[in-house]
Amino acid sequence: AAMATGLRSLGLRVDETPDGATIHPGAMGGGCIQSHGDHRIAM
């Protein structure tokens, strides 16, 4: 959820499923990311 939400906030389409996701690439813009205190999301 954290990666899907973060990538969407930079302008990408991500379709989540219960056990995964489909990531549709594209140009990324700026934005604000919530890492939820998770070191790997932040990096």
Full PDB file with SEQRES, HELIX, SHEET, SSBOND, CRYST1, ORIGX, SCALE, CONECT and MASTER records, all heavy atoms in Angstrom:
SEQRES   1 A   43  ALA ALA MET ALA THR GLY LEU ARG SER LEU GLY LEU ARG          
SEQRES   2 A   43  VAL ASP GLU THR PRO ASP GLY ALA THR ILE HIS PRO GLY          
SEQRES   3 A   43  ALA MET GLY GLY GLY CYS ILE GLN SER HIS GLY ASP HIS          
SEQRES   4 A   43  ARG ILE ALA MET                                              
HELIX    1 AA1 ALA A    2  SER A    9  1                                   8    
HELIX    2 AA2 HIS A   39  ALA A   42  1                                   4    
SHEET    1 AA1 2 ARG A  13  THR A  17  0                                        
SHEET    2 AA1 2 GLY A  20  HIS A  24 -1                                        
CRYST1    1.000    1.000    1.000  90.00  90.00  90.00 P 1           1          
ORIGX1      1.000000  0.000000  0.000000        0.00000                         
ORIGX2      0.000000  1.000000  0.000000        0.00000                         
ORIGX3      0.000000  0.000000  1.000000        0.00000                         
SCALE1      1.000000  0.000000  0.000000        0.00000                         
SCALE2      0.000000  1.000000  0.000000        0.00000                         
SCALE3      0.000000  0.000000  1.000000        0.00000                         
ATOM      1  N   ALA A   1       0.838  -1.204   0.000  1.00  0.00           N  
ATOM      2  CA  ALA A   1       0.000   0.000   0.000  1.00  0.00           C  
ATOM      3  C   ALA A   1       0.874   1.255   0.000  1.00  0.00           C  
ATOM      4  O   ALA A   1       0.609   2.221  -0.729  1.00  0.00           O  
ATOM      5  CB  ALA A   1      -0.929   0.007   1.212  1.00  0.00           C  
ATOM      6  N   ALA A   2       1.946   1.252   0.810  1.00  0.00           N  
ATOM      7  CA  ALA A   2       2.794   2.450   0.937  1.00  0.00           C  
ATOM      8  C   ALA A   2       3.479   2.770  -0.394  1.00  0.00           C  
ATOM      9  O   ALA A   2       3.550   3.933  -0.809  1.00  0.00           O  
ATOM     10  CB  ALA A   2       3.829   2.250   2.044  1.00  0.00           C  
ATOM     11  N   MET A   3       3.985   1.752  -1.101  1.00  0.00           N  
ATOM     12  CA  MET A   3       4.652   1.989  -2.387  1.00  0.00           C  
ATOM     13  C   MET A   3       3.641   2.410  -3.448  1.00  0.00           C  
ATOM     14  O   MET A   3       3.901   3.322  -4.242  1.00  0.00           O  
ATOM     15  CB  MET A   3       5.416   0.742  -2.847  1.00  0.00           C  
ATOM     16  CG  MET A   3       6.679   0.456  -2.056  1.00  0.00           C  
ATOM     17  SD  MET A   3       7.882   1.802  -1.967  1.00  0.00           S  
ATOM     18  CE  MET A   3       8.269   2.100  -3.710  1.00  0.00           C  
ATOM     19  N   ALA A   4       2.487   1.745  -3.458  1.00  0.00           N  
ATOM     20  CA  ALA A   4       1.462   2.086  -4.453  1.00  0.00           C  
ATOM     21  C   ALA A   4       1.001   3.533  -4.261  1.00  0.00           C  
ATOM     22  O   ALA A   4       0.940   4.321  -5.212  1.00  0.00           O  
ATOM     23  CB  ALA A   4       0.288   1.126  -4.344  1.00  0.00           C  
ATOM     24  N   THR A   5       0.707   3.900  -3.012  1.00  0.00           N  
ATOM     25  CA  THR A   5       0.233   5.260  -2.713  1.00  0.00           C  
ATOM     26  C   THR A   5       1.298   6.293  -3.082  1.00  0.00           C  
ATOM     27  O   THR A   5       1.014   7.328  -3.681  1.00  0.00           O  
ATOM     28  CB  THR A   5      -0.135   5.374  -1.215  1.00  0.00           C  
ATOM     29  OG1 THR A   5      -1.074   4.359  -0.909  1.00  0.00           O  
ATOM     30  CG2 THR A   5      -0.688   6.741  -0.871  1.00  0.00           C  
ATOM     31  N   GLY A   6       2.561   5.996  -2.724  1.00  0.00           N  
ATOM     32  CA  GLY A   6       3.663   6.930  -2.994  1.00  0.00           C  
ATOM     33  C   GLY A   6       3.864   7.151  -4.489  1.00  0.00           C  
ATOM     34  O   GLY A   6       3.996   8.296  -4.955  1.00  0.00           O  
ATOM     35  N   LEU A   7       3.873   6.051  -5.260  1.00  0.00           N  
ATOM     36  CA  LEU A   7       4.068   6.189  -6.710  1.00  0.00           C  
ATOM     37  C   LEU A   7       2.893   6.938  -7.352  1.00  0.00           C  
ATOM     38  O   LEU A   7       3.075   7.745  -8.267  1.00  0.00           O  
ATOM     39  CB  LEU A   7       4.273   4.817  -7.365  1.00  0.00           C  
ATOM     40  CG  LEU A   7       5.629   4.148  -7.044  1.00  0.00           C  
ATOM     41  CD1 LEU A   7       5.657   2.720  -7.583  1.00  0.00           C  
ATOM     42  CD2 LEU A   7       6.810   4.934  -7.605  1.00  0.00           C  
ATOM     43  N   ARG A   8       1.679   6.676  -6.848  1.00  0.00           N  
ATOM     44  CA  ARG A   8       0.514   7.417  -7.382  1.00  0.00           C  
ATOM     45  C   ARG A   8       0.660   8.908  -7.105  1.00  0.00           C  
ATOM     46  O   ARG A   8       0.344   9.735  -7.960  1.00  0.00           O  
ATOM     47  CB  ARG A   8      -0.786   6.892  -6.749  1.00  0.00           C  
ATOM     48  CG  ARG A   8      -1.224   5.543  -7.257  1.00  0.00           C  
ATOM     49  CD  ARG A   8      -2.582   5.163  -6.668  1.00  0.00           C  
ATOM     50  NE  ARG A   8      -2.805   3.734  -6.810  1.00  0.00           N  
ATOM     51  CZ  ARG A   8      -2.995   2.893  -5.771  1.00  0.00           C  
ATOM     52  NH1 ARG A   8      -2.990   3.329  -4.523  1.00  0.00           N  
ATOM     53  NH2 ARG A   8      -3.177   1.604  -5.994  1.00  0.00           N  
ATOM     54  N   SER A   9       1.171   9.244  -5.929  1.00  0.00           N  
ATOM     55  CA  SER A   9       1.283  10.672  -5.603  1.00  0.00           C  
ATOM     56  C   SER A   9       2.321  11.363  -6.498  1.00  0.00           C  
ATOM     57  O   SER A   9       2.307  12.581  -6.630  1.00  0.00           O  
ATOM     58  CB  SER A   9       1.602  10.879  -4.115  1.00  0.00           C  
ATOM     59  OG  SER A   9       2.919  10.462  -3.835  1.00  0.00           O  
ATOM     60  N   LEU A  10       3.235  10.577  -7.139  1.00  0.00           N  
ATOM     61  CA  LEU A  10       4.190  11.156  -8.097  1.00  0.00           C  
ATOM     62  C   LEU A  10       3.656  11.078  -9.526  1.00  0.00           C  
ATOM     63  O   LEU A  10       4.377  11.383 -10.486  1.00  0.00           O  
ATOM     64  CB  LEU A  10       5.547  10.456  -7.994  1.00  0.00           C  
ATOM     65  CG  LEU A  10       6.234  10.488  -6.613  1.00  0.00           C  
ATOM     66  CD1 LEU A  10       7.604   9.821  -6.672  1.00  0.00           C  
ATOM     67  CD2 LEU A  10       6.352  11.891  -6.055  1.00  0.00           C  
ATOM     68  N   GLY A  11       2.390  10.591  -9.673  1.00  0.00           N  
ATOM     69  CA  GLY A  11       1.738  10.654 -10.982  1.00  0.00           C  
ATOM     70  C   GLY A  11       1.626   9.347 -11.730  1.00  0.00           C  
ATOM     71  O   GLY A  11       1.211   9.328 -12.899  1.00  0.00           O  
ATOM     72  N   LEU A  12       2.007   8.202 -11.094  1.00  0.00           N  
ATOM     73  CA  LEU A  12       1.959   6.928 -11.803  1.00  0.00           C  
ATOM     74  C   LEU A  12       0.675   6.165 -11.480  1.00  0.00           C  
ATOM     75  O   LEU A  12       0.026   6.396 -10.466  1.00  0.00           O  
ATOM     76  CB  LEU A  12       3.156   6.046 -11.411  1.00  0.00           C  
ATOM     77  CG  LEU A  12       4.546   6.570 -11.779  1.00  0.00           C  
ATOM     78  CD1 LEU A  12       5.580   5.456 -11.581  1.00  0.00           C  
ATOM     79  CD2 LEU A  12       4.606   7.078 -13.209  1.00  0.00           C  
ATOM     80  N   ARG A  13       0.349   5.224 -12.369  1.00  0.00           N  
ATOM     81  CA  ARG A  13      -0.791   4.330 -12.126  1.00  0.00           C  
ATOM     82  C   ARG A  13      -0.266   3.015 -11.532  1.00  0.00           C  
ATOM     83  O   ARG A  13       0.634   2.379 -12.088  1.00  0.00           O  
ATOM     84  CB  ARG A  13      -1.530   4.069 -13.448  1.00  0.00           C  
ATOM     85  CG  ARG A  13      -2.738   3.174 -13.281  1.00  0.00           C  
ATOM     86  CD  ARG A  13      -3.458   2.966 -14.594  1.00  0.00           C  
ATOM     87  NE  ARG A  13      -4.051   1.641 -14.621  1.00  0.00           N  
ATOM     88  CZ  ARG A  13      -4.244   0.936 -15.740  1.00  0.00           C  
ATOM     89  NH1 ARG A  13      -3.900   1.454 -16.917  1.00  0.00           N  
ATOM     90  NH2 ARG A  13      -4.788  -0.276 -15.676  1.00  0.00           N  
ATOM     91  N   VAL A  14      -0.820   2.630 -10.397  1.00  0.00           N  
ATOM     92  CA  VAL A  14      -0.474   1.347  -9.776  1.00  0.00           C  
ATOM     93  C   VAL A  14      -1.784   0.648  -9.401  1.00  0.00           C  
ATOM     94  O   VAL A  14      -2.605   1.208  -8.679  1.00  0.00           O  
ATOM     95  CB  VAL A  14       0.389   1.540  -8.499  1.00  0.00           C  
ATOM     96  CG1 VAL A  14       0.772   0.188  -7.913  1.00  0.00           C  
ATOM     97  CG2 VAL A  14       1.637   2.355  -8.799  1.00  0.00           C  
ATOM     98  N   ASP A  15      -1.963  -0.555  -9.910  1.00  0.00           N  
ATOM     99  CA  ASP A  15      -3.167  -1.339  -9.587  1.00  0.00           C  
ATOM    100  C   ASP A  15      -2.805  -2.343  -8.498  1.00  0.00           C  
ATOM    101  O   ASP A  15      -2.001  -3.264  -8.736  1.00  0.00           O  
ATOM    102  CB  ASP A  15      -3.679  -2.091 -10.829  1.00  0.00           C  
ATOM    103  CG  ASP A  15      -3.940  -1.139 -12.000  1.00  0.00           C  
ATOM    104  OD1 ASP A  15      -4.353  -0.001 -11.740  1.00  0.00           O  
ATOM    105  OD2 ASP A  15      -3.701  -1.532 -13.169  1.00  0.00           O  
ATOM    106  N   GLU A  16      -3.368  -2.165  -7.313  1.00  0.00           N  
ATOM    107  CA  GLU A  16      -3.075  -3.072  -6.208  1.00  0.00           C  
ATOM    108  C   GLU A  16      -3.950  -4.316  -6.249  1.00  0.00           C  
ATOM    109  O   GLU A  16      -5.126  -4.245  -6.626  1.00  0.00           O  
ATOM    110  CB  GLU A  16      -3.345  -2.360  -4.873  1.00  0.00           C  
ATOM    111  CG  GLU A  16      -2.169  -1.778  -4.206  1.00  0.00           C  
ATOM    112  CD  GLU A  16      -2.517  -1.200  -2.843  1.00  0.00           C  
ATOM    113  OE1 GLU A  16      -2.907  -0.032  -2.780  1.00  0.00           O  
ATOM    114  OE2 GLU A  16      -2.365  -1.917  -1.856  1.00  0.00           O  
ATOM    115  N   THR A  17      -3.410  -5.449  -5.808  1.00  0.00           N  
ATOM    116  CA  THR A  17      -4.180  -6.672  -5.558  1.00  0.00           C  
ATOM    117  C   THR A  17      -3.886  -7.107  -4.123  1.00  0.00           C  
ATOM    118  O   THR A  17      -2.976  -6.566  -3.490  1.00  0.00           O  
ATOM    119  CB  THR A  17      -3.750  -7.794  -6.534  1.00  0.00           C  
ATOM    120  OG1 THR A  17      -2.353  -8.082  -6.274  1.00  0.00           O  
ATOM    121  CG2 THR A  17      -3.944  -7.395  -7.984  1.00  0.00           C  
ATOM    122  N   PRO A  18      -4.640  -8.069  -3.572  1.00  0.00           N  
ATOM    123  CA  PRO A  18      -4.355  -8.499  -2.197  1.00  0.00           C  
ATOM    124  C   PRO A  18      -2.906  -8.964  -2.001  1.00  0.00           C  
ATOM    125  O   PRO A  18      -2.312  -8.756  -0.929  1.00  0.00           O  
ATOM    126  CB  PRO A  18      -5.343  -9.642  -1.954  1.00  0.00           C  
ATOM    127  CG  PRO A  18      -6.481  -9.356  -2.888  1.00  0.00           C  
ATOM    128  CD  PRO A  18      -5.864  -8.732  -4.101  1.00  0.00           C  
ATOM    129  N   ASP A  19      -2.302  -9.598  -3.037  1.00  0.00           N  
ATOM    130  CA  ASP A  19      -0.951 -10.136  -2.849  1.00  0.00           C  
ATOM    131  C   ASP A  19       0.070  -9.540  -3.815  1.00  0.00           C  
ATOM    132  O   ASP A  19       1.111 -10.137  -4.086  1.00  0.00           O  
ATOM    133  CB  ASP A  19      -0.951 -11.660  -2.997  1.00  0.00           C  
ATOM    134  CG  ASP A  19      -1.203 -12.124  -4.424  1.00  0.00           C  
ATOM    135  OD1 ASP A  19      -1.746 -11.323  -5.241  1.00  0.00           O  
ATOM    136  OD2 ASP A  19      -0.835 -13.283  -4.757  1.00  0.00           O  
ATOM    137  N   GLY A  20      -0.196  -8.334  -4.333  1.00  0.00           N  
ATOM    138  CA  GLY A  20       0.780  -7.752  -5.254  1.00  0.00           C  
ATOM    139  C   GLY A  20       0.269  -6.474  -5.891  1.00  0.00           C  
ATOM    140  O   GLY A  20      -0.568  -5.761  -5.313  1.00  0.00           O  
ATOM    141  N   ALA A  21       0.768  -6.214  -7.102  1.00  0.00           N  
ATOM    142  CA  ALA A  21       0.397  -4.972  -7.791  1.00  0.00           C  
ATOM    143  C   ALA A  21       0.886  -5.047  -9.231  1.00  0.00           C  
ATOM    144  O   ALA A  21       1.796  -5.814  -9.556  1.00  0.00           O  
ATOM    145  CB  ALA A  21       1.047  -3.759  -7.102  1.00  0.00           C  
ATOM    146  N   THR A  22       0.273  -4.212 -10.075  1.00  0.00           N  
ATOM    147  CA  THR A  22       0.811  -3.954 -11.415  1.00  0.00           C  
ATOM    148  C   THR A  22       1.259  -2.492 -11.438  1.00  0.00           C  
ATOM    149  O   THR A  22       0.465  -1.597 -11.146  1.00  0.00           O  
ATOM    150  CB  THR A  22      -0.245  -4.209 -12.507  1.00  0.00           C  
ATOM    151  OG1 THR A  22      -0.663  -5.584 -12.419  1.00  0.00           O  
ATOM    152  CG2 THR A  22       0.311  -3.945 -13.895  1.00  0.00           C  
ATOM    153  N   ILE A  23       2.519  -2.283 -11.769  1.00  0.00           N  
ATOM    154  CA  ILE A  23       3.082  -0.915 -11.807  1.00  0.00           C  
ATOM    155  C   ILE A  23       3.162  -0.486 -13.269  1.00  0.00           C  
ATOM    156  O   ILE A  23       3.816  -1.160 -14.086  1.00  0.00           O  
ATOM    157  CB  ILE A  23       4.496  -0.883 -11.174  1.00  0.00           C  
ATOM    158  CG1 ILE A  23       4.420  -1.357  -9.710  1.00  0.00           C  
ATOM    159  CG2 ILE A  23       5.077   0.532 -11.206  1.00  0.00           C  
ATOM    160  CD1 ILE A  23       4.987  -2.735  -9.505  1.00  0.00           C  
ATOM    161  N   HIS A  24       2.486   0.625 -13.609  1.00  0.00           N  
ATOM    162  CA  HIS A  24       2.524   1.158 -14.970  1.00  0.00           C  
ATOM    163  C   HIS A  24       3.512   2.329 -14.992  1.00  0.00           C  
ATOM    164  O   HIS A  24       3.274   3.360 -14.346  1.00  0.00           O  
ATOM    165  CB  HIS A  24       1.125   1.644 -15.399  1.00  0.00           C  
ATOM    166  CG  HIS A  24       0.099   0.552 -15.382  1.00  0.00           C  
ATOM    167  ND1 HIS A  24      -0.164  -0.245 -16.461  1.00  0.00           N  
ATOM    168  CD2 HIS A  24      -0.726   0.117 -14.376  1.00  0.00           C  
ATOM    169  CE1 HIS A  24      -1.096  -1.133 -16.132  1.00  0.00           C  
ATOM    170  NE2 HIS A  24      -1.456  -0.944 -14.888  1.00  0.00           N  
ATOM    171  N   PRO A  25       4.627   2.194 -15.690  1.00  0.00           N  
ATOM    172  CA  PRO A  25       5.644   3.255 -15.643  1.00  0.00           C  
ATOM    173  C   PRO A  25       5.169   4.521 -16.349  1.00  0.00           C  
ATOM    174  O   PRO A  25       4.188   4.511 -17.100  1.00  0.00           O  
ATOM    175  CB  PRO A  25       6.837   2.633 -16.363  1.00  0.00           C  
ATOM    176  CG  PRO A  25       6.244   1.568 -17.227  1.00  0.00           C  
ATOM    177  CD  PRO A  25       5.015   1.071 -16.550  1.00  0.00           C  
ATOM    178  N   GLY A  26       5.898   5.579 -16.096  1.00  0.00           N  
ATOM    179  CA  GLY A  26       5.582   6.865 -16.734  1.00  0.00           C  
ATOM    180  C   GLY A  26       6.474   7.939 -16.145  1.00  0.00           C  
ATOM    181  O   GLY A  26       7.369   7.660 -15.326  1.00  0.00           O  
ATOM    182  N   ALA A  27       6.249   9.172 -16.585  1.00  0.00           N  
ATOM    183  CA  ALA A  27       7.033  10.295 -16.058  1.00  0.00           C  
ATOM    184  C   ALA A  27       6.596  10.571 -14.620  1.00  0.00           C  
ATOM    185  O   ALA A  27       5.400  10.626 -14.326  1.00  0.00           O  
ATOM    186  CB  ALA A  27       6.805  11.532 -16.922  1.00  0.00           C  
ATOM    187  N   MET A  28       7.569  10.733 -13.720  1.00  0.00           N  
ATOM    188  CA  MET A  28       7.258  11.022 -12.321  1.00  0.00           C  
ATOM    189  C   MET A  28       7.447  12.513 -12.047  1.00  0.00           C  
ATOM    190  O   MET A  28       8.448  13.108 -12.474  1.00  0.00           O  
ATOM    191  CB  MET A  28       8.164  10.212 -11.384  1.00  0.00           C  
ATOM    192  CG  MET A  28       7.799   8.749 -11.326  1.00  0.00           C  
ATOM    193  SD  MET A  28       8.730   7.812 -10.075  1.00  0.00           S  
ATOM    194  CE  MET A  28      10.325   7.652 -10.915  1.00  0.00           C  
ATOM    195  N   GLY A  29       6.472  13.097 -11.354  1.00  0.00           N  
ATOM    196  CA  GLY A  29       6.591  14.491 -10.943  1.00  0.00           C  
ATOM    197  C   GLY A  29       7.056  14.583  -9.498  1.00  0.00           C  
ATOM    198  O   GLY A  29       7.446  13.584  -8.877  1.00  0.00           O  
ATOM    199  N   GLY A  30       7.042  15.798  -8.947  1.00  0.00           N  
ATOM    200  CA  GLY A  30       7.374  15.984  -7.532  1.00  0.00           C  
ATOM    201  C   GLY A  30       6.168  15.621  -6.667  1.00  0.00           C  
ATOM    202  O   GLY A  30       5.094  15.271  -7.151  1.00  0.00           O  
ATOM    203  N   GLY A  31       6.378  15.668  -5.369  1.00  0.00           N  
ATOM    204  CA  GLY A  31       5.266  15.384  -4.450  1.00  0.00           C  
ATOM    205  C   GLY A  31       5.794  15.130  -3.051  1.00  0.00           C  
ATOM    206  O   GLY A  31       6.995  15.265  -2.767  1.00  0.00           O  
ATOM    207  N   CYS A  32       4.866  14.757  -2.177  1.00  0.00           N  
ATOM    208  CA  CYS A  32       5.213  14.492  -0.785  1.00  0.00           C  
ATOM    209  C   CYS A  32       4.905  13.029  -0.482  1.00  0.00           C  
ATOM    210  O   CYS A  32       3.810  12.548  -0.773  1.00  0.00           O  
ATOM    211  CB  CYS A  32       4.392  15.418   0.135  1.00  0.00           C  
ATOM    212  SG  CYS A  32       4.892  15.247   1.873  1.00  0.00           S  
ATOM    213  N   ILE A  33       5.856  12.327   0.102  1.00  0.00           N  
ATOM    214  CA  ILE A  33       5.754  10.888   0.355  1.00  0.00           C  
ATOM    215  C   ILE A  33       5.694  10.634   1.860  1.00  0.00           C  
ATOM    216  O   ILE A  33       6.544  11.115   2.611  1.00  0.00           O  
ATOM    217  CB  ILE A  33       6.972  10.137  -0.235  1.00  0.00           C  
ATOM    218  CG1 ILE A  33       7.078  10.371  -1.731  1.00  0.00           C  
ATOM    219  CG2 ILE A  33       6.906   8.649   0.111  1.00  0.00           C  
ATOM    220  CD1 ILE A  33       5.968   9.815  -2.557  1.00  0.00           C  
ATOM    221  N   GLN A  34       4.730   9.845   2.259  1.00  0.00           N  
ATOM    222  CA  GLN A  34       4.666   9.383   3.654  1.00  0.00           C  
ATOM    223  C   GLN A  34       5.386   8.040   3.736  1.00  0.00           C  
ATOM    224  O   GLN A  34       4.948   7.068   3.110  1.00  0.00           O  
ATOM    225  CB  GLN A  34       3.205   9.235   4.111  1.00  0.00           C  
ATOM    226  CG  GLN A  34       2.382  10.520   4.056  1.00  0.00           C  
ATOM    227  CD  GLN A  34       2.968  11.608   4.944  1.00  0.00           C  
ATOM    228  OE1 GLN A  34       3.590  11.321   5.970  1.00  0.00           O  
ATOM    229  NE2 GLN A  34       2.788  12.855   4.549  1.00  0.00           N  
ATOM    230  N   SER A  35       6.464   7.990   4.489  1.00  0.00           N  
ATOM    231  CA  SER A  35       7.191   6.713   4.575  1.00  0.00           C  
ATOM    232  C   SER A  35       6.612   5.813   5.659  1.00  0.00           C  
ATOM    233  O   SER A  35       7.020   4.648   5.772  1.00  0.00           O  
ATOM    234  CB  SER A  35       8.670   6.959   4.850  1.00  0.00           C  
ATOM    235  OG  SER A  35       8.845   7.360   6.192  1.00  0.00           O  
ATOM    236  N   HIS A  36       5.710   6.322   6.483  1.00  0.00           N  
ATOM    237  CA  HIS A  36       5.099   5.551   7.590  1.00  0.00           C  
ATOM    238  C   HIS A  36       6.159   5.007   8.546  1.00  0.00           C  
ATOM    239  O   HIS A  36       6.009   3.922   9.133  1.00  0.00           O  
ATOM    240  CB  HIS A  36       4.229   4.396   7.038  1.00  0.00           C  
ATOM    241  CG  HIS A  36       3.166   4.864   6.080  1.00  0.00           C  
ATOM    242  ND1 HIS A  36       1.998   5.462   6.507  1.00  0.00           N  
ATOM    243  CD2 HIS A  36       3.135   4.895   4.728  1.00  0.00           C  
ATOM    244  CE1 HIS A  36       1.284   5.804   5.454  1.00  0.00           C  
ATOM    245  NE2 HIS A  36       1.944   5.478   4.368  1.00  0.00           N  
ATOM    246  N   GLY A  37       7.277   5.761   8.650  1.00  0.00           N  
ATOM    247  CA  GLY A  37       8.339   5.324   9.558  1.00  0.00           C  
ATOM    248  C   GLY A  37       9.068   4.085   9.092  1.00  0.00           C  
ATOM    249  O   GLY A  37       9.801   3.458   9.859  1.00  0.00           O  
ATOM    250  N   ASP A  38       8.880   3.698   7.809  1.00  0.00           N  
ATOM    251  CA  ASP A  38       9.472   2.462   7.287  1.00  0.00           C  
ATOM    252  C   ASP A  38      10.745   2.833   6.514  1.00  0.00           C  
ATOM    253  O   ASP A  38      10.699   3.519   5.497  1.00  0.00           O  
ATOM    254  CB  ASP A  38       8.469   1.767   6.363  1.00  0.00           C  
ATOM    255  CG  ASP A  38       8.956   0.406   5.880  1.00  0.00           C  
ATOM    256  OD1 ASP A  38      10.172   0.225   5.669  1.00  0.00           O  
ATOM    257  OD2 ASP A  38       8.106  -0.488   5.698  1.00  0.00           O  
ATOM    258  N   HIS A  39      11.889   2.339   7.004  1.00  0.00           N  
ATOM    259  CA  HIS A  39      13.192   2.717   6.434  1.00  0.00           C  
ATOM    260  C   HIS A  39      13.293   2.395   4.946  1.00  0.00           C  
ATOM    261  O   HIS A  39      13.841   3.170   4.159  1.00  0.00           O  
ATOM    262  CB  HIS A  39      14.337   2.058   7.213  1.00  0.00           C  
ATOM    263  CG  HIS A  39      14.179   0.567   7.424  1.00  0.00           C  
ATOM    264  ND1 HIS A  39      15.145  -0.335   7.182  1.00  0.00           N  
ATOM    265  CD2 HIS A  39      13.170  -0.195   7.868  1.00  0.00           C  
ATOM    266  CE1 HIS A  39      14.739  -1.560   7.471  1.00  0.00           C  
ATOM    267  NE2 HIS A  39      13.554  -1.508   7.856  1.00  0.00           N  
ATOM    268  N   ARG A  40      12.737   1.256   4.537  1.00  0.00           N  
ATOM    269  CA  ARG A  40      12.904   0.859   3.128  1.00  0.00           C  
ATOM    270  C   ARG A  40      12.011   1.691   2.201  1.00  0.00           C  
ATOM    271  O   ARG A  40      12.379   1.943   1.067  1.00  0.00           O  
ATOM    272  CB  ARG A  40      12.637  -0.643   2.967  1.00  0.00           C  
ATOM    273  CG  ARG A  40      13.605  -1.495   3.789  1.00  0.00           C  
ATOM    274  CD  ARG A  40      13.731  -2.906   3.300  1.00  0.00           C  
ATOM    275  NE  ARG A  40      14.267  -3.775   4.323  1.00  0.00           N  
ATOM    276  CZ  ARG A  40      15.553  -3.895   4.639  1.00  0.00           C  
ATOM    277  NH1 ARG A  40      16.450  -3.186   4.002  1.00  0.00           N  
ATOM    278  NH2 ARG A  40      15.957  -4.723   5.599  1.00  0.00           N  
ATOM    279  N   ILE A  41      10.864   2.111   2.677  1.00  0.00           N  
ATOM    280  CA  ILE A  41      10.008   2.998   1.865  1.00  0.00           C  
ATOM    281  C   ILE A  41      10.718   4.351   1.675  1.00  0.00           C  
ATOM    282  O   ILE A  41      10.763   4.894   0.571  1.00  0.00           O  
ATOM    283  CB  ILE A  41       8.623   3.217   2.540  1.00  0.00           C  
ATOM    284  CG1 ILE A  41       7.895   1.884   2.748  1.00  0.00           C  
ATOM    285  CG2 ILE A  41       7.767   4.223   1.770  1.00  0.00           C  
ATOM    286  CD1 ILE A  41       7.415   1.205   1.533  1.00  0.00           C  
ATOM    287  N   ALA A  42      11.292   4.875   2.747  1.00  0.00           N  
ATOM    288  CA  ALA A  42      11.985   6.174   2.687  1.00  0.00           C  
ATOM    289  C   ALA A  42      13.122   6.116   1.659  1.00  0.00           C  
ATOM    290  O   ALA A  42      13.247   6.990   0.789  1.00  0.00           O  
ATOM    291  CB  ALA A  42      12.527   6.553   4.066  1.00  0.00           C  
ATOM    292  N   MET A  43      13.956   5.066   1.741  1.00  0.00           N  
ATOM    293  CA  MET A  43      15.102   4.976   0.822  1.00  0.00           C  
ATOM    294  C   MET A  43      14.642   4.761  -0.625  1.00  0.00           C  
ATOM    295  O   MET A  43      15.223   5.300  -1.559  1.00  0.00           O  
ATOM    296  CB  MET A  43      16.053   3.868   1.279  1.00  0.00           C  
ATOM    297  CG  MET A  43      16.815   4.246   2.539  1.00  0.00           C  
ATOM    298  SD  MET A  43      18.066   3.023   3.049  1.00  0.00           S  
ATOM    299  CE  MET A  43      17.043   1.790   3.871  1.00  0.00           C  
TER     300      MET A  43                                                      
MASTER        0    0    0    2    2    0    0    6  299    1    0    4          
END                                                                             
